[in-house]
Amino acid sequence: MRSATWAIFVAAAIGCPWTALAVYQCGDQKDDCQCGKDNPFPCCDNGGNCTWWAWEQACCNWGVAIPTLGNAWHWKNELSAAGYPWSKDPVVGSIFVRTVGGGFCEDDNHDCGHVGWVVSAKSDGSFCATEMGCWGWYGVKTNCHSPGYADGGFFCKKGTQCGGTPPDQCNTKVGPGETIIDDLDPCFERHGTPNYWWEASIGYAGHMWYTYASDDPVDNYGVWRLWVSEAGDYEVFAYVPENNATTHQAKYVIHHDGKDDSKVVNQNDLYAVFTSLGTYHFAAGG
């Protein structure tokens, strides 16, 4: 049996779609700008879609057809992989990316996320943007956001000064032997309300993210992603730190071979230790 050790800890609350036909008009906006390609995104029933609008703004203002095809949360990786300049701070004339919230997209089992076109920015990190949204208002509106809202950062036109360096990409490969995915690794994702996540200088490698658990429906949760280089049986471990991990029913869900298995762990009985979540067969791939 091959084994891979994943260092995963979740102290979670235990607990702009793309799959449709592209359209020429969304709400009262039309795809009239010329950038060598028609807008590839659909329009939702309310006359809006954040991805349709952000793509159209890049077409109109940058004169390019940006290579984004997925739901909004994908844009961080798609634009970074295509070499678009990135900034952690808001930039007028950039696309902001938010990887959490925005409803749940069942087609890729993830928060849909959100994107928009930045029209004003302040030095404190707050900004305003023109946006569309599925399941919300009609057409385009201007919304203003507090610092940290765009957790995926801001992407600018190629050849312009945007500032910052591209965000790290999730490229952890799991194969024979041990592999640890820490919560500071790009393959770890935090979901839910950003203000309900806290961090502490304890845990594996001296850092942990945590959120509070309750009997309410799940809001905040963490996801560890990986790429399996060789199919086989792998034992999965979670690291439980010495503090901020006292829930008696921490639920871990292991996605493998196209299905989900779950394991409930009493974190209150564990202290600074890896605990096994079981052995599972993983197919090759992501």
Protein backbone atom coordinates (compact mmCIF):
# COMPACT_ATOMS: atom_id res chain seq x y z
CA MET A 1 0.00 0.00 0.00
CA ARG A 2 1.31 3.41 -0.90
CA SER A 3 0.75 6.10 1.67
CA ALA A 4 0.54 9.85 1.49
CA THR A 5 0.35 11.92 4.65
CA TRP A 6 -1.69 15.08 4.29
CA ALA A 7 -1.40 17.58 7.08
CA ILE A 8 -4.92 18.92 7.16
CA PHE A 9 -6.66 20.72 9.98
CA VAL A 10 -10.13 22.21 9.89
CA ALA A 11 -11.68 23.88 12.91
CA ALA A 12 -14.64 24.74 10.77
CA ALA A 13 -18.19 25.57 11.58
CA ILE A 14 -19.24 21.93 11.46
CA GLY A 15 -20.40 22.93 9.06
CA CYS A 16 -21.53 33.46 -11.48
CA PRO A 17 -22.22 30.14 -13.18
CA TRP A 18 -20.82 29.20 -16.57
CA THR A 19 -22.74 26.14 -17.70
CA ALA A 20 -25.11 27.74 -20.21
CA LEU A 21 -25.04 29.22 -23.71
CA ALA A 22 -23.10 32.40 -24.35
CA VAL A 23 -25.23 35.40 -25.30
CA TYR A 24 -24.82 38.67 -27.21
CA GLN A 25 -26.84 40.73 -24.71
CA CYS A 26 -27.02 40.55 -20.91
CA GLY A 27 -29.55 42.83 -19.26
CA ASP A 28 -29.30 46.16 -21.06
CA GLN A 29 -25.65 45.60 -22.06
CA LYS A 30 -24.54 44.32 -25.46
CA ASP A 31 -21.38 42.59 -26.62
CA ASP A 32 -20.49 45.28 -29.15
CA CYS A 33 -16.78 45.74 -28.38
CA GLN A 34 -14.22 44.25 -30.75
CA CYS A 35 -11.46 42.07 -29.33
CA GLY A 36 -11.37 39.14 -31.74
CA LYS A 37 -13.90 36.96 -29.96
CA ASP A 38 -17.53 36.96 -28.87
CA ASN A 39 -18.30 37.03 -25.16
CA PRO A 40 -18.24 33.33 -24.11
CA PHE A 41 -20.36 33.69 -20.97
CA PRO A 42 -24.10 33.23 -20.39
CA CYS A 43 -26.58 35.67 -18.88
CA CYS A 44 -28.66 34.62 -15.88
CA ASP A 45 -32.43 35.00 -15.68
CA ASN A 46 -32.16 38.25 -13.73
CA GLY A 47 -30.29 39.94 -16.60
CA GLY A 48 -26.81 39.72 -15.12
CA ASN A 49 -23.70 37.57 -14.71
CA CYS A 50 -20.47 38.81 -13.13
CA THR A 51 -18.28 36.82 -15.53
CA TRP A 52 -20.13 38.16 -18.60
CA TRP A 53 -19.60 41.76 -17.44
CA ALA A 54 -15.95 41.44 -16.34
CA TRP A 55 -15.02 39.68 -19.59
CA GLU A 56 -16.82 42.37 -21.60
CA GLN A 57 -15.04 45.18 -19.75
CA ALA A 58 -11.65 43.63 -20.51
CA CYS A 59 -12.69 43.32 -24.15
CA CYS A 60 -13.81 46.95 -24.31
CA ASN A 61 -11.02 48.54 -22.27
CA TRP A 62 -8.05 46.29 -22.92
CA GLY A 63 -8.97 45.25 -26.46
CA VAL A 64 -8.26 41.60 -25.71
CA ALA A 65 -10.30 38.45 -25.25
CA ILE A 66 -9.08 37.24 -21.89
CA PRO A 67 -8.69 33.43 -21.64
CA THR A 68 -11.21 32.89 -18.85
CA LEU A 69 -13.75 30.12 -19.23
CA GLY A 70 -14.70 28.98 -15.74
CA ASN A 71 -16.79 30.25 -12.87
CA ALA A 72 -15.51 33.43 -11.22
CA TRP A 73 -13.40 31.69 -8.57
CA HIS A 74 -11.33 30.07 -11.36
CA TRP A 75 -10.22 33.45 -12.72
CA LYS A 76 -7.39 33.83 -10.21
CA ASN A 77 -5.65 30.77 -11.62
CA GLU A 78 -6.70 31.32 -15.24
CA LEU A 79 -5.47 34.92 -15.47
CA SER A 80 -2.30 34.21 -13.51
CA ALA A 81 -1.45 31.23 -15.72
CA ALA A 82 -1.95 33.43 -18.79
CA GLY A 83 0.57 35.96 -17.46
CA TYR A 84 -1.70 38.87 -16.57
CA PRO A 85 -0.10 41.28 -14.05
CA TRP A 86 -1.44 40.89 -10.51
CA SER A 87 -1.71 43.14 -7.49
CA LYS A 88 -2.87 42.56 -3.94
CA ASP A 89 -4.05 46.19 -3.85
CA PRO A 90 -6.92 47.64 -5.93
CA VAL A 91 -6.03 49.25 -9.25
CA VAL A 92 -8.41 51.34 -11.36
CA GLY A 93 -9.04 49.57 -14.66
CA SER A 94 -8.36 46.11 -13.29
CA ILE A 95 -10.49 43.01 -12.73
CA PHE A 96 -11.00 42.04 -9.10
CA VAL A 97 -11.40 38.39 -8.18
CA ARG A 98 -13.16 36.99 -5.13
CA THR A 99 -12.89 33.21 -4.71
CA VAL A 100 -15.46 32.76 -1.93
CA GLY A 101 -19.18 33.44 -1.70
CA GLY A 102 -21.30 34.31 -4.71
CA GLY A 103 -23.55 31.30 -4.28
CA PHE A 104 -22.64 27.64 -4.76
CA CYS A 105 -21.79 26.29 -8.23
CA GLU A 106 -22.72 22.62 -8.34
CA ASP A 107 -20.89 22.07 -11.65
CA ASP A 108 -17.53 22.23 -9.87
CA ASN A 109 -18.63 21.79 -6.23
CA HIS A 110 -17.29 25.17 -5.12
CA ASP A 111 -18.40 28.67 -4.22
CA CYS A 112 -18.99 30.51 -7.49
CA GLY A 113 -16.92 33.50 -6.43
CA HIS A 114 -17.28 36.96 -7.93
CA VAL A 115 -15.51 39.28 -10.39
CA GLY A 116 -15.96 42.89 -11.43
CA TRP A 117 -14.33 45.95 -13.02
CA VAL A 118 -12.58 48.37 -10.64
CA VAL A 119 -13.52 52.04 -11.16
CA SER A 120 -12.06 53.64 -8.02
CA ALA A 121 -9.53 52.66 -5.36
CA LYS A 122 -8.30 54.00 -2.03
CA SER A 123 -4.96 53.58 -0.31
CA ASP A 124 -6.57 51.63 2.55
CA GLY A 125 -7.45 48.81 0.14
CA SER A 126 -11.14 49.62 -0.30
CA PHE A 127 -12.47 50.01 -3.83
CA CYS A 128 -15.58 50.42 -5.97
CA ALA A 129 -16.39 48.39 -9.06
CA THR A 130 -19.04 48.00 -11.72
CA GLU A 131 -20.56 44.55 -11.49
CA MET A 132 -23.26 42.18 -12.58
CA GLY A 133 -24.52 39.26 -10.55
CA CYS A 134 -26.57 36.12 -11.00
CA TRP A 135 -29.60 35.72 -8.73
CA GLY A 136 -29.40 39.39 -7.77
CA TRP A 137 -30.03 42.79 -9.30
CA TYR A 138 -30.77 43.53 -12.95
CA GLY A 139 -27.96 44.69 -15.24
CA VAL A 140 -24.92 46.66 -14.05
CA LYS A 141 -24.49 48.49 -10.76
CA THR A 142 -21.59 50.03 -8.86
CA ASN A 143 -20.71 48.41 -5.54
CA CYS A 144 -18.04 49.46 -3.05
CA HIS A 145 -16.08 46.93 -1.02
CA SER A 146 -13.95 46.96 2.10
CA PRO A 147 -10.25 45.97 2.18
CA GLY A 148 -9.71 42.25 1.75
CA TYR A 149 -12.93 41.62 -0.17
CA ALA A 150 -11.05 40.64 -3.34
CA ASP A 151 -9.16 37.71 -1.81
CA GLY A 152 -8.03 36.63 -5.29
CA GLY A 153 -6.45 40.02 -5.97
CA PHE A 154 -6.58 42.37 -8.94
CA PHE A 155 -5.50 41.63 -12.51
CA CYS A 156 -4.38 44.26 -15.01
CA LYS A 157 -3.84 44.50 -18.75
CA LYS A 158 -0.64 42.90 -19.99
CA GLY A 159 2.17 45.38 -20.45
CA THR A 160 0.95 47.72 -17.70
CA GLN A 161 2.34 48.33 -14.23
CA CYS A 162 0.01 46.56 -11.83
CA GLY A 163 2.29 45.84 -8.90
CA GLY A 164 2.77 42.68 -6.91
CA THR A 165 3.72 39.21 -8.04
CA PRO A 166 1.44 36.48 -9.40
CA PRO A 167 -0.28 34.46 -6.67
CA ASP A 168 1.12 31.02 -6.00
CA GLN A 169 -0.51 28.19 -7.90
CA CYS A 170 -1.74 24.91 -6.48
CA ASN A 171 0.60 22.31 -7.96
CA THR A 172 1.16 19.85 -5.11
CA LYS A 173 1.47 16.33 -6.49
CA VAL A 174 0.82 13.29 -4.32
CA GLY A 175 2.56 10.02 -5.08
CA PRO A 176 4.39 7.20 -3.32
CA GLY A 177 5.77 8.40 0.00
CA GLU A 178 4.55 11.19 2.26
CA THR A 179 3.15 14.53 1.16
CA ILE A 180 2.12 17.33 3.50
CA ILE A 181 -0.29 20.06 2.43
CA ASP A 182 -0.08 22.82 5.02
CA ASP A 183 -2.74 25.50 5.49
CA LEU A 184 -0.33 28.10 4.05
CA ASP A 185 0.08 26.02 0.90
CA PRO A 186 -1.66 27.38 -2.26
CA CYS A 187 -3.59 24.09 -2.35
CA PHE A 188 -5.45 25.05 0.83
CA GLU A 189 -8.56 27.20 0.36
CA ARG A 190 -10.67 29.02 2.95
CA HIS A 191 -14.37 29.35 2.18
CA GLY A 192 -17.20 31.25 3.79
CA THR A 193 -17.27 34.63 5.52
CA PRO A 194 -13.70 36.08 5.63
CA ASN A 195 -14.33 37.90 8.92
CA TYR A 196 -15.06 34.58 10.64
CA TRP A 197 -11.59 33.18 9.95
CA TRP A 198 -8.81 33.71 12.49
CA GLU A 199 -5.17 32.64 12.52
CA ALA A 200 -2.69 31.75 15.25
CA SER A 201 1.05 31.09 15.45
CA ILE A 202 0.64 27.48 16.55
CA GLY A 203 -0.03 24.19 14.83
CA TYR A 204 1.95 22.45 12.11
CA ALA A 205 4.84 24.67 10.93
CA GLY A 206 3.78 27.29 13.47
CA HIS A 207 0.57 28.48 11.81
CA MET A 208 -3.11 27.62 11.76
CA TRP A 209 -6.39 28.97 10.45
CA TYR A 210 -9.48 28.36 12.53
CA THR A 211 -13.14 29.28 12.81
CA TYR A 212 -15.75 28.52 15.44
CA ALA A 213 -18.00 25.46 15.37
CA SER A 214 -21.71 25.42 16.15
CA ASP A 215 -24.88 23.47 15.43
CA ASP A 216 -25.85 25.94 12.71
CA PRO A 217 -25.58 25.04 9.00
CA VAL A 218 -22.01 25.05 7.65
CA ASP A 219 -20.72 28.49 6.67
CA ASN A 220 -16.92 28.46 6.89
CA TYR A 221 -14.89 25.45 5.84
CA GLY A 222 -11.48 24.60 4.40
CA VAL A 223 -10.56 22.60 1.30
CA TRP A 224 -7.24 20.91 0.55
CA ARG A 225 -6.71 20.17 -3.15
CA LEU A 226 -4.08 17.94 -4.69
CA TRP A 227 -2.99 16.13 -7.83
CA VAL A 228 -2.48 12.37 -7.58
CA SER A 229 0.41 11.34 -9.82
CA GLU A 230 -0.18 7.61 -9.43
CA ALA A 231 -3.47 5.88 -8.63
CA GLY A 232 -3.51 3.74 -5.51
CA ASP A 233 -4.48 3.46 -1.87
CA TYR A 234 -3.47 6.43 0.28
CA GLU A 235 -3.88 6.95 4.00
CA VAL A 236 -5.11 10.44 4.84
CA PHE A 237 -4.11 12.21 8.05
CA ALA A 238 -5.27 15.45 9.65
CA TYR A 239 -3.15 17.50 12.02
CA VAL A 240 -4.90 18.67 15.19
CA PRO A 241 -2.98 21.51 16.90
CA GLU A 242 -2.52 22.13 20.58
CA ASN A 243 -5.14 24.87 20.84
CA ASN A 244 -8.20 26.29 19.02
CA ALA A 245 -9.31 22.74 18.18
CA THR A 246 -11.79 21.59 20.79
CA THR A 247 -14.88 20.56 18.82
CA HIS A 248 -16.08 17.04 19.58
CA GLN A 249 -17.50 16.49 16.09
CA ALA A 250 -15.12 17.91 13.49
CA LYS A 251 -16.30 16.51 10.17
CA TYR A 252 -13.75 15.80 7.43
CA VAL A 253 -14.95 14.88 3.93
CA ILE A 254 -12.54 12.93 1.71
CA HIS A 255 -13.30 13.20 -2.00
CA HIS A 256 -11.82 10.30 -3.98
CA ASP A 257 -12.69 8.31 -7.09
CA GLY A 258 -15.64 10.62 -7.76
CA LYS A 259 -17.32 10.06 -4.40
CA ASP A 260 -17.21 11.42 -0.86
CA ASP A 261 -16.52 9.64 2.42
CA SER A 262 -16.64 11.40 5.77
CA LYS A 263 -14.86 10.97 9.08
CA VAL A 264 -15.85 12.64 12.36
CA VAL A 265 -12.99 13.44 14.74
CA ASN A 266 -13.16 14.42 18.41
CA GLN A 267 -10.49 17.11 18.32
CA ASN A 268 -10.87 17.79 22.03
CA ASP A 269 -9.13 14.48 22.84
CA LEU A 270 -6.13 15.21 20.57
CA TYR A 271 -3.14 17.49 21.12
CA ALA A 272 -0.54 18.50 18.50
CA VAL A 273 -0.76 15.24 16.59
CA PHE A 274 -1.60 13.76 13.19
CA THR A 275 -4.70 11.56 13.33
CA SER A 276 -5.68 9.09 10.63
CA LEU A 277 -8.86 9.71 8.65
CA GLY A 278 -8.62 6.30 6.98
CA THR A 279 -7.24 4.75 3.82
CA TYR A 280 -8.90 5.46 0.47
CA HIS A 281 -8.32 4.64 -3.18
CA PHE A 282 -7.52 7.66 -5.33
CA ALA A 283 -7.56 7.72 -9.10
CA ALA A 284 -4.80 9.59 -10.90
CA GLY A 285 -5.48 13.25 -11.54
CA GLY A 286 -6.90 16.21 -9.65
